[in-house]
Amino acid sequence: MLTQNFKDILKYATASMFVKPKGKEEFSPVNLLLIAPPECAKTRLLNEILCKKTLKTLDLSPKSIKEAILPRLESGETKFLIIPDLIQLLGHKKQTTGSTVGFLNALIEEGVKDNNFYGLEFHLSKTVNSGLLTAVTTDKFYENVYDFNSIGFLHRIIPVAYDYSYETIQKIQNDISSGTLFKDINEVSTKTNNKLFEVTIPNKYSADILLLVNRLTDKLSKFKIRSSRGIGRNRTEDVYFDIKGFRLHIRLRQLARAICFIDGKGKRKEVNSEDILKLYSISEVINLPNTKKVI
């Protein structure tokens, strides 16, 4: 029972793999991490996304990465990974989890080409990267946030933390009772070949995006927890989300291009005022758990 803004940010994030800026401006796909308690439809929401060039997987292992995922990324068959639930990946041994998250950390940003991952060498014809949509429970997020923050993984994704209100819970219960709780496919329709669709952001709208970046950076930077990871058994420290906003800025500009691409049905090549209004609207769902959206 999620608001339209939640569904929209997933749709536009997925579409971000099909667009690019005109010229040499740096860009990256928009990566999202849904953070919510159990039974808040995180996995269901990601499983309902229907879009070409996405690959859904419940877990990652060195073998599956080398034999299944990297070849698809190299050929262009896949551009976006969807991991509906991080629980399995985070449930491996600490060393395995750390290495896999570290690999994802590189894959969703600078990309990979030649590497040795858990003793399995791979050599690709080109550097490949991927977008990422995934989800985790709030408790599991807190268990791993120290590591997510320390390696920069938290800086490379956009967090979407939320919870259900009492009214929403009752509405869902009533839908279950009446048999009206239906699966809702979130189809991302694109008409494009392997060539990325160019979208320009006029200078007059760049200031609007920067203002939004500054607002979100200020909100996200207030996140802190007590953690004992890495500093001794009986000691704790505050973990702050030390965000500069550079990566967020790049990804919000990419999100604006994706909005233009989807809402303009591939016919507009320039972001307009309506796209900026939509960007501001969906940005309300960008939160860490301390400012989670209650719906």
Protein backbone atom coordinates (compact mmCIF):
# COMPACT_ATOMS: atom_id res chain seq x y z
CA MET A 1 0.00 0.00 0.00
CA LEU A 2 2.60 2.52 -1.15
CA THR A 3 2.00 6.02 -2.44
CA GLN A 4 2.52 6.86 -6.10
CA ASN A 5 5.83 8.57 -5.31
CA PHE A 6 7.31 5.27 -4.12
CA LYS A 7 6.27 3.49 -7.29
CA ASP A 8 7.44 6.41 -9.42
CA ILE A 9 10.94 6.62 -7.98
CA LEU A 10 11.39 2.90 -8.69
CA LYS A 11 10.12 3.37 -12.24
CA TYR A 12 12.36 6.35 -12.97
CA ALA A 13 15.38 4.76 -11.31
CA THR A 14 14.99 1.72 -13.56
CA ALA A 15 14.63 3.97 -16.61
CA SER A 16 17.83 5.82 -15.67
CA MET A 17 19.84 3.08 -17.38
CA PHE A 18 18.44 4.14 -20.76
CA VAL A 19 19.40 7.83 -20.69
CA LYS A 20 22.55 9.93 -20.71
CA PRO A 21 23.51 13.60 -20.89
CA LYS A 22 24.53 15.26 -24.10
CA GLY A 23 28.27 15.75 -24.18
CA LYS A 24 30.84 14.51 -21.68
CA GLU A 25 29.02 15.16 -18.39
CA GLU A 26 29.51 12.38 -15.86
CA PHE A 27 26.45 10.23 -15.20
CA SER A 28 25.51 7.02 -13.40
CA PRO A 29 22.38 4.88 -13.11
CA VAL A 30 20.21 5.63 -10.08
CA ASN A 31 20.66 2.98 -7.37
CA LEU A 32 17.98 2.58 -4.69
CA LEU A 33 17.89 0.82 -1.32
CA LEU A 34 14.44 0.28 0.23
CA ILE A 35 14.62 0.18 4.04
CA ALA A 36 11.55 -0.88 6.02
CA PRO A 37 10.37 -3.38 8.67
CA PRO A 38 9.15 -6.85 7.62
CA GLU A 39 5.75 -7.03 5.87
CA CYS A 40 6.08 -3.62 4.24
CA ALA A 41 6.05 -4.94 0.66
CA LYS A 42 9.72 -4.24 -0.12
CA THR A 43 10.39 -7.54 -1.88
CA ARG A 44 6.97 -7.56 -3.52
CA LEU A 45 7.48 -4.05 -4.84
CA LEU A 46 10.80 -4.94 -6.49
CA ASN A 47 9.44 -8.21 -7.86
CA GLU A 48 6.61 -6.28 -9.54
CA ILE A 49 9.02 -4.23 -11.68
CA LEU A 50 8.82 -5.34 -15.29
CA CYS A 51 11.48 -3.93 -17.59
CA LYS A 52 13.81 -5.26 -20.25
CA LYS A 53 17.54 -5.43 -19.53
CA THR A 54 16.98 -6.06 -15.82
CA LEU A 55 18.12 -9.19 -14.00
CA LYS A 56 16.47 -10.30 -10.77
CA THR A 57 18.43 -12.50 -8.40
CA LEU A 58 17.89 -13.53 -4.78
CA ASP A 59 21.56 -13.99 -3.99
CA LEU A 60 25.04 -13.40 -5.36
CA SER A 61 28.02 -15.73 -5.26
CA PRO A 62 31.46 -15.55 -6.91
CA LYS A 63 30.41 -18.28 -9.35
CA SER A 64 27.11 -16.65 -10.35
CA ILE A 65 28.80 -13.27 -10.74
CA LYS A 66 31.48 -14.67 -13.08
CA GLU A 67 29.38 -17.15 -15.04
CA ALA A 68 25.94 -15.50 -15.22
CA ILE A 69 25.99 -11.82 -14.37
CA LEU A 70 29.22 -10.44 -15.87
CA PRO A 71 28.64 -12.03 -19.33
CA ARG A 72 25.15 -10.47 -19.47
CA LEU A 73 26.52 -7.07 -18.50
CA GLU A 74 29.34 -7.35 -21.03
CA SER A 75 26.94 -8.22 -23.87
CA GLY A 76 24.50 -5.47 -22.93
CA GLU A 77 21.74 -8.00 -22.24
CA THR A 78 21.54 -6.71 -18.66
CA LYS A 79 22.01 -3.16 -17.42
CA PHE A 80 20.31 -3.27 -14.02
CA LEU A 81 20.43 -5.74 -11.12
CA ILE A 82 17.39 -6.17 -8.91
CA ILE A 83 18.00 -7.99 -5.63
CA PRO A 84 14.54 -8.04 -4.02
CA ASP A 85 15.93 -8.88 -0.58
CA LEU A 86 19.51 -8.44 0.67
CA ILE A 87 18.92 -10.83 3.58
CA GLN A 88 20.42 -13.87 1.82
CA LEU A 89 23.47 -11.98 0.63
CA LEU A 90 24.05 -10.50 4.10
CA GLY A 91 23.53 -13.93 5.69
CA HIS A 92 26.77 -15.38 4.32
CA LYS A 93 29.97 -15.55 6.32
CA LYS A 94 31.33 -12.12 7.16
CA GLN A 95 34.24 -12.36 4.73
CA THR A 96 32.01 -13.51 1.88
CA THR A 97 29.45 -10.78 2.56
CA GLY A 98 32.16 -8.12 2.78
CA SER A 99 33.72 -9.16 -0.51
CA THR A 100 30.37 -9.36 -2.33
CA VAL A 101 29.18 -5.97 -1.09
CA GLY A 102 32.60 -4.57 -1.99
CA PHE A 103 32.23 -5.99 -5.50
CA LEU A 104 28.76 -4.42 -5.83
CA ASN A 105 30.26 -1.18 -4.57
CA ALA A 106 32.60 -1.11 -7.58
CA LEU A 107 30.06 -2.48 -10.05
CA ILE A 108 27.47 0.27 -9.45
CA GLU A 109 29.96 3.12 -9.75
CA GLU A 110 33.30 2.92 -11.59
CA GLY A 111 32.61 -0.54 -12.99
CA VAL A 112 34.80 -3.64 -13.32
CA LYS A 113 36.89 -5.10 -16.12
CA ASP A 114 39.76 -7.31 -14.94
CA ASN A 115 39.71 -8.67 -11.44
CA ASN A 116 40.15 -11.61 -9.13
CA PHE A 117 37.05 -12.27 -7.05
CA TYR A 118 37.33 -15.06 -4.47
CA GLY A 119 39.97 -16.85 -6.55
CA LEU A 120 37.95 -16.61 -9.77
CA GLU A 121 39.66 -14.46 -12.36
CA PHE A 122 37.71 -12.62 -15.01
CA HIS A 123 38.85 -10.53 -17.95
CA LEU A 124 36.20 -8.56 -19.84
CA SER A 125 36.46 -6.86 -23.21
CA LYS A 126 35.31 -3.59 -21.66
CA THR A 127 34.53 -2.03 -18.30
CA VAL A 128 30.97 -2.84 -17.24
CA ASN A 129 28.79 -1.34 -14.57
CA SER A 130 25.22 -1.79 -13.44
CA GLY A 131 22.39 -0.06 -11.68
CA LEU A 132 21.04 -1.64 -8.51
CA LEU A 133 17.61 -1.84 -6.88
CA THR A 134 17.49 -3.73 -3.60
CA ALA A 135 15.84 -3.84 -0.18
CA VAL A 136 16.64 -4.66 3.42
CA THR A 137 14.80 -4.71 6.73
CA THR A 138 15.39 -1.80 9.09
CA ASP A 139 17.04 -4.05 11.70
CA LYS A 140 19.38 -5.62 9.14
CA PHE A 141 20.25 -2.16 7.85
CA TYR A 142 21.33 -1.09 11.34
CA GLU A 143 23.39 -4.28 11.70
CA ASN A 144 25.33 -3.48 8.53
CA VAL A 145 25.26 0.31 8.30
CA TYR A 146 28.75 0.71 9.80
CA ASP A 147 30.25 -1.36 6.98
CA PHE A 148 27.96 0.20 4.35
CA ASN A 149 29.15 3.63 5.42
CA SER A 150 32.84 2.80 5.82
CA ILE A 151 33.29 1.45 2.27
CA GLY A 152 31.16 4.17 0.67
CA PHE A 153 28.31 1.87 -0.35
CA LEU A 154 25.81 4.09 1.43
CA HIS A 155 27.02 7.05 -0.66
CA ARG A 156 26.45 5.24 -3.95
CA ILE A 157 22.78 4.45 -3.39
CA ILE A 158 19.71 6.55 -2.68
CA PRO A 159 18.02 5.37 0.55
CA VAL A 160 14.23 5.05 0.70
CA ALA A 161 13.23 4.34 4.30
CA TYR A 162 9.55 4.03 5.26
CA ASP A 163 7.01 2.34 7.50
CA TYR A 164 3.25 1.79 7.57
CA SER A 165 0.88 3.88 9.68
CA TYR A 166 -1.87 2.26 11.73
CA GLU A 167 -4.44 3.43 9.14
CA THR A 168 -2.49 1.80 6.30
CA ILE A 169 -2.18 -1.46 8.22
CA GLN A 170 -5.94 -1.56 8.75
CA LYS A 171 -6.57 -0.73 5.08
CA ILE A 172 -4.36 -3.66 3.99
CA GLN A 173 -6.09 -5.99 6.45
CA ASN A 174 -9.47 -4.96 5.01
CA ASP A 175 -8.18 -5.54 1.46
CA ILE A 176 -7.03 -9.03 2.46
CA SER A 177 -10.39 -9.77 4.07
CA SER A 178 -12.32 -8.62 1.01
CA GLY A 179 -10.00 -10.36 -1.45
CA THR A 180 -9.03 -7.08 -3.13
CA LEU A 181 -5.28 -7.10 -2.43
CA PHE A 182 -3.91 -7.55 -5.93
CA LYS A 183 -0.47 -7.72 -7.44
CA ASP A 184 0.38 -4.41 -9.13
CA ILE A 185 2.82 -4.67 -12.01
CA ASN A 186 5.08 -1.61 -12.30
CA GLU A 187 5.98 -1.79 -15.98
CA VAL A 188 8.73 0.46 -17.28
CA SER A 189 7.98 0.75 -20.99
CA THR A 190 10.88 1.95 -23.11
CA LYS A 191 11.28 2.24 -26.84
CA THR A 192 15.01 2.35 -27.34
CA ASN A 193 17.77 0.19 -28.72
CA ASN A 194 21.18 -0.32 -27.13
CA LYS A 195 22.02 3.32 -27.81
CA LEU A 196 21.36 5.55 -24.81
CA PHE A 197 18.77 8.29 -25.18
CA GLU A 198 20.29 11.77 -24.85
CA VAL A 199 18.52 14.25 -22.57
CA THR A 200 19.64 17.82 -21.90
CA ILE A 201 19.05 19.72 -18.66
CA PRO A 202 18.75 23.47 -19.37
CA ASN A 203 20.90 25.66 -17.13
CA LYS A 204 17.82 27.33 -15.62
CA TYR A 205 16.81 24.02 -14.04
CA SER A 206 20.27 23.07 -12.79
CA ALA A 207 19.90 25.56 -9.91
CA ASP A 208 16.60 23.90 -8.91
CA ILE A 209 18.27 20.48 -8.81
CA LEU A 210 21.19 21.83 -6.78
CA LEU A 211 18.77 23.35 -4.27
CA LEU A 212 17.11 19.95 -3.88
CA VAL A 213 20.54 18.29 -3.47
CA ASN A 214 21.41 20.70 -0.66
CA ARG A 215 18.10 20.06 1.11
CA LEU A 216 18.48 16.29 0.91
CA THR A 217 22.16 16.40 1.89
CA ASP A 218 21.27 18.39 4.99
CA LYS A 219 18.54 15.90 5.91
CA LEU A 220 20.59 12.75 5.26
CA SER A 221 23.69 14.06 7.05
CA LYS A 222 21.77 14.14 10.33
CA PHE A 223 21.67 10.34 10.41
CA LYS A 224 23.78 8.78 13.15
CA ILE A 225 23.73 5.61 15.24
CA ARG A 226 25.74 4.06 18.03
CA SER A 227 28.03 1.33 16.77
CA SER A 228 30.72 -0.87 18.28
CA ARG A 229 31.95 -2.27 14.97
CA GLY A 230 35.69 -2.12 14.50
CA ILE A 231 36.57 -0.27 17.74
CA GLY A 232 36.65 -2.88 20.45
CA ARG A 233 34.14 -5.04 22.22
CA ASN A 234 33.16 -2.64 25.01
CA ARG A 235 33.33 0.66 23.17
CA THR A 236 30.86 2.47 20.98
CA GLU A 237 30.98 5.55 18.79
CA ASP A 238 28.63 7.71 16.79
CA VAL A 239 28.49 6.80 13.11
CA TYR A 240 27.62 9.84 11.05
CA PHE A 241 26.56 9.78 7.42
CA ASP A 242 29.25 12.17 6.19
CA ILE A 243 27.68 13.01 2.84
CA LYS A 244 29.08 15.71 0.58
CA GLY A 245 26.26 15.35 -1.94
CA PHE A 246 28.36 14.98 -5.10
CA ARG A 247 27.11 11.50 -6.01
CA LEU A 248 23.58 12.43 -4.98
CA HIS A 249 23.76 15.44 -7.31
CA ILE A 250 24.89 13.33 -10.26
CA ARG A 251 22.11 10.80 -9.65
CA LEU A 252 19.36 13.37 -9.17
CA ARG A 253 20.31 14.91 -12.52
CA GLN A 254 20.09 11.41 -14.02
CA LEU A 255 16.71 10.93 -12.34
CA ALA A 256 15.49 14.18 -13.96
CA ARG A 257 16.58 12.83 -17.37
CA ALA A 258 14.73 9.57 -16.71
CA ILE A 259 11.56 11.48 -15.79
CA CYS A 260 11.82 13.41 -19.06
CA PHE A 261 12.38 10.17 -20.99
CA ILE A 262 9.44 8.28 -19.45
CA ASP A 263 6.89 11.07 -19.11
CA GLY A 264 7.81 12.46 -22.52
CA LYS A 265 7.44 8.95 -23.99
CA GLY A 266 10.87 9.23 -25.64
CA LYS A 267 9.81 12.25 -27.69
CA ARG A 268 11.29 15.05 -25.57
CA LYS A 269 15.04 15.52 -25.31
CA GLU A 270 15.07 18.40 -22.83
CA VAL A 271 14.01 18.48 -19.18
CA ASN A 272 11.14 20.90 -18.54
CA SER A 273 9.51 22.48 -15.48
CA GLU A 274 7.05 19.60 -15.05
CA ASP A 275 9.95 17.15 -14.83
CA ILE A 276 11.54 19.26 -12.09
CA LEU A 277 8.24 19.38 -10.17
CA LYS A 278 8.01 15.59 -10.43
CA LEU A 279 11.61 15.27 -9.20
CA TYR A 280 10.79 17.40 -6.15
CA SER A 281 7.63 15.39 -5.52
CA ILE A 282 9.28 11.96 -5.53
CA SER A 283 12.21 13.22 -3.46
CA GLU A 284 9.97 13.13 -0.36
CA VAL A 285 10.59 9.37 -0.17
CA ILE A 286 14.39 9.77 -0.01
CA ASN A 287 15.12 9.14 3.66
CA LEU A 288 17.27 7.20 6.08
CA PRO A 289 15.49 5.47 9.01
CA ASN A 290 15.71 8.51 11.33
CA THR A 291 13.46 10.50 8.96
CA LYS A 292 11.53 7.56 7.47
CA LYS A 293 8.34 8.29 5.58
CA VAL A 294 5.27 6.94 7.39
CA ILE A 295 2.52 6.18 4.92
